[in-house]
Amino acid sequence: MSAKKTALACSICGSRNYTARAGETTRAERLEVKKFCKYCNKHTLHRETK
């Protein structure tokens, strides 16, 4: 079984800058990571999108 890819979107501007592998287990909450957004030009919170 392969893990599904999900996009990480910036919480400020909404651009989808990164991809991440989602685990096979079902999670109640979405993945949240602080990453650099090249459009905001700063580190912002990125959330997993569908």
N, C-alpha and C. Protein backbone atom coordinates (compact mmCIF):
# COMPACT_ATOMS: atom_id res chain seq x y z
N MET A 1 0.83 -1.19 0.00
CA MET A 1 0.00 0.00 0.00
C MET A 1 0.88 1.25 0.00
N SER A 2 0.50 2.20 -0.80
CA SER A 2 1.26 3.44 -0.85
C SER A 2 0.50 4.53 -0.10
N ALA A 3 1.25 5.44 0.47
CA ALA A 3 0.64 6.56 1.19
C ALA A 3 0.15 7.59 0.20
N LYS A 4 -0.94 8.25 0.53
CA LYS A 4 -1.50 9.29 -0.35
C LYS A 4 -0.76 10.60 -0.15
N LYS A 5 -0.65 11.37 -1.21
CA LYS A 5 -0.04 12.70 -1.12
C LYS A 5 -1.13 13.72 -0.84
N THR A 6 -0.84 14.64 0.06
CA THR A 6 -1.76 15.73 0.35
C THR A 6 -1.01 17.05 0.23
N ALA A 7 -1.71 18.10 -0.08
CA ALA A 7 -1.10 19.41 -0.23
C ALA A 7 -1.15 20.15 1.10
N LEU A 8 -0.14 20.98 1.33
CA LEU A 8 -0.11 21.85 2.51
C LEU A 8 -0.32 23.27 2.03
N ALA A 9 -1.36 23.92 2.53
CA ALA A 9 -1.70 25.28 2.11
C ALA A 9 -1.37 26.27 3.22
N CYS A 10 -0.91 27.44 2.82
CA CYS A 10 -0.59 28.52 3.75
C CYS A 10 -1.89 29.01 4.39
N SER A 11 -1.87 29.22 5.70
CA SER A 11 -3.07 29.67 6.39
C SER A 11 -3.34 31.16 6.17
N ILE A 12 -2.32 31.91 5.71
CA ILE A 12 -2.48 33.35 5.49
C ILE A 12 -3.01 33.63 4.07
N CYS A 13 -2.25 33.19 3.05
CA CYS A 13 -2.63 33.52 1.67
C CYS A 13 -3.37 32.39 0.97
N GLY A 14 -3.29 31.16 1.48
CA GLY A 14 -4.03 30.05 0.90
C GLY A 14 -3.33 29.32 -0.24
N SER A 15 -2.11 29.72 -0.58
CA SER A 15 -1.41 29.05 -1.68
C SER A 15 -0.91 27.69 -1.22
N ARG A 16 -0.96 26.73 -2.13
CA ARG A 16 -0.52 25.37 -1.83
C ARG A 16 0.93 25.22 -2.24
N ASN A 17 1.83 25.29 -1.25
CA ASN A 17 3.26 25.35 -1.51
C ASN A 17 3.97 24.01 -1.37
N TYR A 18 3.48 23.11 -0.53
CA TYR A 18 4.19 21.88 -0.21
C TYR A 18 3.28 20.68 -0.36
N THR A 19 3.91 19.50 -0.51
CA THR A 19 3.17 18.24 -0.48
C THR A 19 3.72 17.39 0.65
N ALA A 20 2.86 16.55 1.21
CA ALA A 20 3.26 15.67 2.30
C ALA A 20 2.58 14.33 2.11
N ARG A 21 3.18 13.31 2.65
CA ARG A 21 2.58 11.99 2.58
C ARG A 21 1.69 11.77 3.79
N ALA A 22 0.44 11.42 3.54
CA ALA A 22 -0.50 11.16 4.62
C ALA A 22 -0.40 9.68 4.99
N GLY A 23 -0.41 9.41 6.27
CA GLY A 23 -0.33 8.03 6.74
C GLY A 23 -1.64 7.28 6.47
N GLU A 24 -1.60 5.98 6.57
CA GLU A 24 -2.78 5.16 6.31
C GLU A 24 -3.79 5.24 7.45
N THR A 25 -3.33 5.67 8.62
CA THR A 25 -4.26 5.76 9.75
C THR A 25 -5.14 7.00 9.59
N THR A 26 -6.35 6.91 10.03
CA THR A 26 -7.26 8.05 9.94
C THR A 26 -7.04 8.96 11.13
N ARG A 27 -6.90 10.24 10.86
CA ARG A 27 -6.69 11.22 11.91
C ARG A 27 -7.92 12.09 12.03
N ALA A 28 -8.21 12.53 13.24
CA ALA A 28 -9.34 13.43 13.46
C ALA A 28 -8.98 14.85 13.04
N GLU A 29 -7.73 15.26 13.28
CA GLU A 29 -7.31 16.62 12.94
C GLU A 29 -6.37 16.58 11.74
N ARG A 30 -6.21 17.71 11.10
CA ARG A 30 -5.34 17.82 9.94
C ARG A 30 -3.92 18.17 10.37
N LEU A 31 -2.96 17.83 9.53
CA LEU A 31 -1.56 18.11 9.78
C LEU A 31 -1.31 19.61 9.72
N GLU A 32 -0.58 20.14 10.70
CA GLU A 32 -0.24 21.57 10.74
C GLU A 32 1.25 21.69 10.99
N VAL A 33 1.95 22.40 10.09
CA VAL A 33 3.39 22.55 10.16
C VAL A 33 3.76 24.00 9.86
N LYS A 34 4.75 24.53 10.56
CA LYS A 34 5.25 25.87 10.24
C LYS A 34 6.28 25.73 9.13
N LYS A 35 6.01 26.39 7.98
CA LYS A 35 6.89 26.33 6.81
C LYS A 35 7.05 27.73 6.25
N PHE A 36 8.05 27.90 5.38
CA PHE A 36 8.27 29.19 4.73
C PHE A 36 7.36 29.31 3.52
N CYS A 37 6.62 30.42 3.44
CA CYS A 37 5.76 30.71 2.29
C CYS A 37 6.47 31.74 1.42
N LYS A 38 6.72 31.38 0.16
CA LYS A 38 7.45 32.31 -0.73
C LYS A 38 6.58 33.47 -1.17
N TYR A 39 5.26 33.36 -1.04
CA TYR A 39 4.37 34.45 -1.41
C TYR A 39 4.21 35.46 -0.27
N CYS A 40 4.16 34.98 0.96
CA CYS A 40 4.09 35.86 2.14
C CYS A 40 5.48 36.34 2.55
N ASN A 41 6.52 35.61 2.10
CA ASN A 41 7.91 35.91 2.40
C ASN A 41 8.22 35.82 3.89
N LYS A 42 7.59 34.85 4.57
CA LYS A 42 7.85 34.60 5.99
C LYS A 42 7.39 33.20 6.36
N HIS A 43 7.74 32.76 7.55
CA HIS A 43 7.30 31.46 8.04
C HIS A 43 5.86 31.58 8.55
N THR A 44 4.99 30.71 8.03
CA THR A 44 3.59 30.72 8.42
C THR A 44 3.13 29.30 8.69
N LEU A 45 1.97 29.17 9.27
CA LEU A 45 1.38 27.88 9.54
C LEU A 45 0.77 27.34 8.26
N HIS A 46 1.15 26.11 7.88
CA HIS A 46 0.60 25.44 6.70
C HIS A 46 -0.25 24.28 7.17
N ARG A 47 -1.45 24.17 6.61
CA ARG A 47 -2.39 23.11 6.99
C ARG A 47 -2.64 22.16 5.84
N GLU A 48 -2.92 20.92 6.19
CA GLU A 48 -3.22 19.88 5.20
C GLU A 48 -4.57 20.19 4.55
N THR A 49 -4.62 20.05 3.22
CA THR A 49 -5.87 20.26 2.49
C THR A 49 -6.36 18.93 1.94
N LYS A 50 -7.56 18.90 1.46
CA LYS A 50 -8.11 17.67 0.89
C LYS A 50 -7.66 17.47 -0.52
